[in-house]
Amino acid sequence: MSISRTQIEYVLALEQTGSFSKAAEKCFVTQSTLSTMIKKMENQINMVLFDRKSKPILPTKECKLLMPQFKIMLREYEHLEEHIQGLTKNFHGTFKIGILPTLAPFLLPLFLNKLITKYQDVNFSIHEITTKEIVELLKQRELDIGILSLPINEDGLNESTLFYEDFLVYDTNKSDDQRSKKTYKIDDIDMNRLWLLEESHCMSNQIVNICQLRKKRKINANLIYNSGSIFSLLEFVNINQGITLLPRLAAQNEKLVDQSCLYDLQSPRPVRAIGVLTHPNFSKNKLKEVLEKQIIKAVKPHLKRYQSIKVIEPQ
């Protein structure tokens, strides 16, 4: 009896999704291919693994008993493949990346095209999701790696910092008095005009009080607005002559941000650490190193002239 890694991946995908179509999409194959391979495996072991009449499709009790062993076998396949790829540098397979929506639009364009062009045998699957979702999917082994703000301090996950990014004040009030400012103190920020993202700004002790105020404050007296999109945030700030805090990479986008409305914060400037999060059993370490070096190389020119910003050099 010979069970392939592919068959195990298909069985695990179907068990996780409960749908042939979703499992096939997850595995980057057609539904008929996935169904045929699972049926072939069932014939090989002379055992029915799934109740195809149930909705969602459920594993049989025999399949449930085999699942822990299937997962162990898949991890061993992955470890072997990682060692082989590390020796040959011939990367292939799927690399699933979770990244914050507040980071993705400004970081990914700096390096992603070069990465996918150089490693065309790798299927890069990118998911813009929240920190909570990244953590949960990493624990479930549904993601290979997360790119997000650190620290997370989540038991059972490993994190490493790649670079630090400071925040700037974006104040669209164009009065002469406002124009005379060169830098801001946190205390200078007009809370009545303050808009903040639901996620990503509360990364520093220096601005924790602002983030607490955000939770219950009202905009224009009768509007409570919690934004998870930096694009929506900028639209409202621009329309309402508002004020917000922007990470350095986002602030450099001249199409979205009026550069004349940006102000540095006085020291100590609030910063956020950007890095990667992985499961302890993560096996694609060589590909992770490639990704980290690409990110560091891409952001360094954008941050190097700011003395308080650190980019962690690759080992």
Protein backbone atom coordinates (compact mmCIF):
# COMPACT_ATOMS: atom_id res chain seq x y z
CA MET A 1 0.00 0.00 0.00
CA SER A 2 1.40 3.40 -1.01
CA ILE A 3 -0.28 6.61 0.15
CA SER A 4 1.06 9.80 -1.39
CA ARG A 5 1.52 13.17 0.22
CA THR A 6 -0.98 14.62 -2.25
CA GLN A 7 -3.67 12.19 -1.14
CA ILE A 8 -3.08 13.10 2.50
CA GLU A 9 -3.29 16.82 1.69
CA TYR A 10 -6.59 16.29 -0.13
CA VAL A 11 -8.06 14.28 2.75
CA LEU A 12 -7.03 16.92 5.30
CA ALA A 13 -8.42 19.72 3.12
CA LEU A 14 -11.78 17.96 2.77
CA GLU A 15 -11.92 17.25 6.49
CA GLN A 16 -11.24 20.94 7.25
CA THR A 17 -13.63 22.47 4.72
CA GLY A 18 -16.43 19.90 4.52
CA SER A 19 -16.78 20.68 0.81
CA PHE A 20 -15.22 19.15 -2.29
CA SER A 21 -15.25 22.50 -4.10
CA LYS A 22 -13.64 24.42 -1.21
CA ALA A 23 -11.09 21.66 -0.63
CA ALA A 24 -10.17 21.70 -4.32
CA GLU A 25 -9.77 25.48 -4.27
CA LYS A 26 -7.59 25.20 -1.18
CA CYS A 27 -5.36 22.64 -2.92
CA PHE A 28 -5.23 24.50 -6.27
CA VAL A 29 -6.77 21.57 -8.20
CA THR A 30 -10.08 20.79 -9.88
CA GLN A 31 -12.87 19.26 -7.88
CA SER A 32 -12.88 16.11 -10.02
CA THR A 33 -9.13 15.61 -9.45
CA LEU A 34 -9.49 15.90 -5.69
CA SER A 35 -12.52 13.61 -5.59
CA THR A 36 -10.81 10.98 -7.75
CA MET A 37 -7.65 10.96 -5.65
CA ILE A 38 -9.56 10.58 -2.38
CA LYS A 39 -11.65 7.76 -3.86
CA LYS A 40 -8.45 6.06 -5.03
CA MET A 41 -7.04 6.29 -1.52
CA GLU A 42 -10.20 4.78 -0.06
CA ASN A 43 -9.88 1.86 -2.48
CA GLN A 44 -6.22 1.42 -1.53
CA ILE A 45 -6.94 1.11 2.18
CA ASN A 46 -10.33 -0.55 1.69
CA MET A 47 -12.03 2.01 3.91
CA VAL A 48 -14.59 4.80 3.43
CA LEU A 49 -13.17 8.05 4.77
CA PHE A 50 -16.06 10.46 4.22
CA ASP A 51 -19.85 10.45 4.39
CA ARG A 52 -20.64 12.05 1.05
CA LYS A 53 -24.38 12.25 1.79
CA SER A 54 -23.94 14.62 4.72
CA LYS A 55 -23.79 18.40 4.33
CA PRO A 56 -21.21 19.53 5.11
CA ILE A 57 -19.30 16.39 4.17
CA LEU A 58 -18.11 14.70 7.36
CA PRO A 59 -15.29 12.24 8.05
CA THR A 60 -16.29 8.74 9.12
CA LYS A 61 -15.31 7.51 12.59
CA GLU A 62 -12.51 5.50 10.99
CA CYS A 63 -11.24 8.63 9.28
CA LYS A 64 -11.29 10.56 12.57
CA LEU A 65 -9.09 7.90 14.13
CA LEU A 66 -6.62 8.18 11.26
CA MET A 67 -6.49 11.99 11.18
CA PRO A 68 -3.73 12.43 13.81
CA GLN A 69 -1.50 10.03 11.89
CA PHE A 70 -2.27 11.75 8.57
CA LYS A 71 -1.17 15.07 10.11
CA ILE A 72 2.05 13.54 11.42
CA MET A 73 2.78 12.03 8.01
CA LEU A 74 2.19 15.37 6.28
CA ARG A 75 4.54 17.16 8.68
CA GLU A 76 7.22 14.56 8.00
CA TYR A 77 6.75 15.02 4.25
CA GLU A 78 7.09 18.78 4.75
CA HIS A 79 10.26 18.45 6.82
CA LEU A 80 11.81 16.18 4.19
CA GLU A 81 10.83 18.53 1.39
CA GLU A 82 12.21 21.49 3.31
CA HIS A 83 15.59 19.81 3.68
CA ILE A 84 15.67 18.91 -0.01
CA GLN A 85 14.65 22.40 -1.10
CA GLY A 86 17.21 23.92 1.27
CA LEU A 87 19.98 21.88 -0.35
CA THR A 88 18.90 22.46 -3.94
CA LYS A 89 17.31 25.94 -3.53
CA ASN A 90 14.64 24.67 -5.90
CA PHE A 91 11.58 26.00 -4.09
CA HIS A 92 8.10 24.81 -5.06
CA GLY A 93 4.69 24.15 -3.54
CA THR A 94 2.35 26.61 -1.79
CA PHE A 95 3.38 29.37 0.61
CA LYS A 96 0.42 30.79 2.53
CA ILE A 97 0.96 34.28 3.95
CA GLY A 98 -1.35 36.25 6.24
CA ILE A 99 -0.81 40.02 6.45
CA LEU A 100 -2.60 42.92 8.11
CA PRO A 101 -4.87 44.96 5.79
CA THR A 102 -3.29 48.11 7.24
CA LEU A 103 0.15 46.90 6.15
CA ALA A 104 -0.48 45.00 2.93
CA PRO A 105 -1.19 47.93 0.52
CA PHE A 106 2.08 49.66 1.40
CA LEU A 107 4.47 46.77 2.03
CA LEU A 108 3.50 44.16 -0.58
CA PRO A 109 4.03 46.41 -3.64
CA LEU A 110 7.63 46.97 -2.52
CA PHE A 111 8.69 43.34 -2.92
CA LEU A 112 5.92 40.94 -4.03
CA ASN A 113 6.35 41.16 -7.81
CA LYS A 114 10.08 40.49 -7.58
CA LEU A 115 9.44 37.55 -5.27
CA ILE A 116 6.86 35.81 -7.44
CA THR A 117 8.92 36.46 -10.58
CA LYS A 118 12.03 34.92 -9.06
CA TYR A 119 10.25 31.88 -7.57
CA GLN A 120 7.73 30.91 -10.22
CA ASP A 121 7.37 27.33 -8.98
CA VAL A 122 5.95 28.56 -5.67
CA ASN A 123 2.24 29.38 -5.35
CA PHE A 124 2.10 32.44 -3.07
CA SER A 125 -1.30 32.62 -1.39
CA ILE A 126 -1.83 36.04 0.26
CA HIS A 127 -4.59 36.71 2.80
CA GLU A 128 -5.33 40.20 4.18
CA ILE A 129 -6.72 39.41 7.64
CA THR A 130 -6.67 40.67 11.22
CA THR A 131 -4.11 39.80 13.88
CA LYS A 132 -6.60 37.52 15.62
CA GLU A 133 -7.30 35.63 12.39
CA ILE A 134 -3.58 35.28 11.62
CA VAL A 135 -2.93 33.80 15.07
CA GLU A 136 -5.82 31.34 14.82
CA LEU A 137 -4.93 30.19 11.29
CA LEU A 138 -1.28 29.72 12.23
CA LYS A 139 -2.29 27.55 15.17
CA GLN A 140 -4.51 25.51 12.87
CA ARG A 141 -1.64 25.23 10.35
CA GLU A 142 -3.82 26.96 7.75
CA LEU A 143 -1.14 29.61 7.22
CA ASP A 144 2.60 29.22 6.82
CA ILE A 145 3.55 32.68 8.05
CA GLY A 146 2.03 35.92 9.32
CA ILE A 147 3.34 39.44 8.65
CA LEU A 148 2.05 41.83 11.30
CA SER A 149 2.78 44.19 14.18
CA LEU A 150 4.72 42.70 17.08
CA PRO A 151 4.91 41.70 19.86
CA ILE A 152 2.02 39.23 19.94
CA ASN A 153 3.30 37.16 22.89
CA GLU A 154 1.13 34.23 21.91
CA ASP A 155 2.04 30.91 23.50
CA GLY A 156 2.96 28.29 20.93
CA LEU A 157 3.98 30.72 18.16
CA ASN A 158 7.41 32.10 17.24
CA GLU A 159 7.98 35.73 16.28
CA SER A 160 10.89 37.69 14.86
CA THR A 161 11.13 41.42 14.15
CA LEU A 162 12.17 42.68 10.70
CA PHE A 163 11.94 46.46 11.05
CA TYR A 164 10.54 49.31 13.13
CA GLU A 165 8.23 51.92 11.68
CA ASP A 166 7.38 55.24 13.30
CA PHE A 167 4.08 57.14 13.21
CA LEU A 168 3.45 60.59 11.77
CA VAL A 169 0.63 63.01 12.45
CA TYR A 170 -1.59 63.60 9.41
CA ASP A 171 -3.51 66.82 10.07
CA THR A 172 -5.61 68.11 7.17
CA ASN A 173 -6.47 71.41 8.85
CA LYS A 174 -4.71 73.92 6.59
CA SER A 175 -5.05 77.02 8.77
CA ASP A 176 -2.04 79.36 9.03
CA ASP A 177 -1.67 78.49 12.69
CA GLN A 178 -1.54 74.81 11.85
CA ARG A 179 0.92 75.36 9.01
CA SER A 180 3.36 77.00 11.42
CA LYS A 181 3.83 73.71 13.28
CA LYS A 182 6.89 71.65 12.45
CA THR A 183 6.43 68.82 14.93
CA TYR A 184 3.69 67.56 17.21
CA LYS A 185 3.48 66.40 20.78
CA ILE A 186 0.87 63.78 21.59
CA ASP A 187 -0.81 66.40 23.81
CA ASP A 188 -1.13 68.75 20.78
CA ILE A 189 -3.52 66.38 18.98
CA ASP A 190 -7.08 67.69 18.78
CA MET A 191 -9.12 64.74 20.06
CA ASN A 192 -12.32 66.20 18.62
CA ARG A 193 -10.93 65.76 15.10
CA LEU A 194 -9.10 62.48 15.70
CA TRP A 195 -9.80 59.42 13.56
CA LEU A 196 -8.00 56.12 14.14
CA LEU A 197 -7.99 52.67 12.67
CA GLU A 198 -9.65 49.87 14.58
CA GLU A 199 -6.38 47.96 14.41
CA SER A 200 -2.65 48.71 14.11
CA HIS A 201 -2.24 52.06 15.87
CA CYS A 202 -2.31 50.76 19.45
CA MET A 203 1.22 49.43 19.20
CA SER A 204 3.03 51.79 21.52
CA ASN A 205 2.74 52.89 25.14
CA GLN A 206 3.12 56.51 24.01
CA ILE A 207 -0.28 56.48 22.28
CA VAL A 208 -2.23 53.98 24.36
CA ASN A 209 -4.37 56.74 25.90
CA ILE A 210 -5.40 57.96 22.45
CA CYS A 211 -6.44 54.45 21.49
CA GLN A 212 -8.55 54.17 24.64
CA LEU A 213 -10.31 57.44 23.81
CA ARG A 214 -11.08 56.15 20.31
CA LYS A 215 -13.29 53.38 21.64
CA LYS A 216 -16.17 55.60 22.74
CA ARG A 217 -15.70 58.93 21.06
CA LYS A 218 -18.22 60.15 18.52
CA ILE A 219 -17.62 61.82 15.16
CA ASN A 220 -19.88 64.81 14.41
CA ALA A 221 -21.87 64.04 17.59
CA ASN A 222 -24.09 61.36 15.98
CA LEU A 223 -21.59 59.06 14.22
CA ILE A 224 -19.48 56.34 15.77
CA TYR A 225 -17.01 55.08 13.18
CA ASN A 226 -14.60 52.16 13.55
CA SER A 227 -12.52 51.71 10.42
CA GLY A 228 -10.45 48.66 9.54
CA SER A 229 -9.51 50.12 6.16
CA ILE A 230 -6.79 52.72 5.90
CA PHE A 231 -8.28 53.87 2.57
CA SER A 232 -11.65 54.61 4.18
CA LEU A 233 -9.91 56.30 7.07
CA LEU A 234 -8.01 58.67 4.78
CA GLU A 235 -11.17 59.52 2.84
CA PHE A 236 -12.98 60.58 6.02
CA VAL A 237 -9.98 62.45 7.40
CA ASN A 238 -9.56 64.41 4.16
CA ILE A 239 -13.28 65.23 3.84
CA ASN A 240 -13.71 66.30 7.47
CA GLN A 241 -10.40 68.16 7.91
CA GLY A 242 -9.58 65.53 10.47
CA ILE A 243 -6.40 64.26 12.04
CA THR A 244 -4.94 60.78 12.35
CA LEU A 245 -1.71 58.87 12.93
CA LEU A 246 -0.13 57.13 9.96
CA PRO A 247 2.70 54.58 9.86
CA ARG A 248 5.72 55.81 7.90
CA LEU A 249 5.27 53.49 4.87
CA ALA A 250 1.60 54.46 4.48
CA ALA A 251 2.44 58.16 4.83
CA GLN A 252 4.83 57.97 1.87
CA ASN A 253 2.01 57.14 -0.55
CA GLU A 254 1.66 60.45 -2.42
CA LYS A 255 -1.53 59.36 -4.22
CA LEU A 256 -3.41 58.96 -0.93
CA VAL A 257 -1.66 61.37 1.41
CA ASP A 258 -1.17 65.13 1.06
CA GLN A 259 2.50 65.37 2.02
CA SER A 260 2.10 68.98 3.18
CA CYS A 261 -0.20 67.75 5.98
CA LEU A 262 2.35 65.40 7.56
CA TYR A 263 4.13 66.24 10.81
CA ASP A 264 6.76 64.38 12.82
CA LEU A 265 6.06 63.55 16.44
CA GLN A 266 8.53 64.77 19.03
CA SER A 267 10.69 62.21 20.81
CA PRO A 268 10.05 59.68 22.07
CA ARG A 269 8.26 58.93 18.80
CA PRO A 270 5.78 56.05 18.87
CA VAL A 271 6.84 53.15 16.68
CA ARG A 272 5.54 49.74 15.77
CA ALA A 273 7.63 46.65 15.18
CA ILE A 274 6.83 44.74 11.99
CA GLY A 275 7.83 41.11 11.79
CA VAL A 276 6.81 37.54 11.10
CA LEU A 277 4.90 34.95 13.12
CA THR A 278 5.19 31.19 12.59
CA HIS A 279 4.14 27.91 14.14
CA PRO A 280 6.88 26.01 16.05
CA ASN A 281 6.52 23.11 13.60
CA PHE A 282 6.93 25.38 10.59
CA SER A 283 9.24 23.64 8.13
CA LYS A 284 9.70 26.04 5.20
CA ASN A 285 12.55 27.88 6.88
CA LYS A 286 14.64 28.51 3.78
CA LEU A 287 11.69 30.08 1.99
CA LYS A 288 10.97 32.13 5.13
CA GLU A 289 14.56 33.44 5.00
CA VAL A 290 14.08 34.41 1.37
CA LEU A 291 10.88 36.29 2.23
CA GLU A 292 12.49 38.10 5.17
CA LYS A 293 15.48 39.21 3.11
CA GLN A 294 13.20 40.47 0.32
CA ILE A 295 11.16 42.52 2.80
CA ILE A 296 14.22 43.99 4.51
CA LYS A 297 15.82 44.88 1.18
CA ALA A 298 12.59 46.52 0.00
CA VAL A 299 11.88 48.70 3.05
CA LYS A 300 15.42 49.83 3.82
CA PRO A 301 15.54 52.63 1.20
CA HIS A 302 12.23 53.98 2.53
CA LEU A 303 13.30 54.06 6.19
CA LYS A 304 17.08 54.48 6.19
CA ARG A 305 17.10 58.29 6.37
CA TYR A 306 15.14 58.30 9.64
CA GLN A 307 17.68 57.82 12.42
CA SER A 308 15.20 56.46 14.96
CA ILE A 309 14.05 53.72 12.57
CA LYS A 310 15.79 50.37 12.64
CA VAL A 311 15.83 47.71 9.95
CA ILE A 312 17.03 44.36 11.21
CA GLU A 313 19.78 43.08 8.95
CA PRO A 314 19.40 39.46 7.76
CA GLN A 315 21.80 36.95 9.24
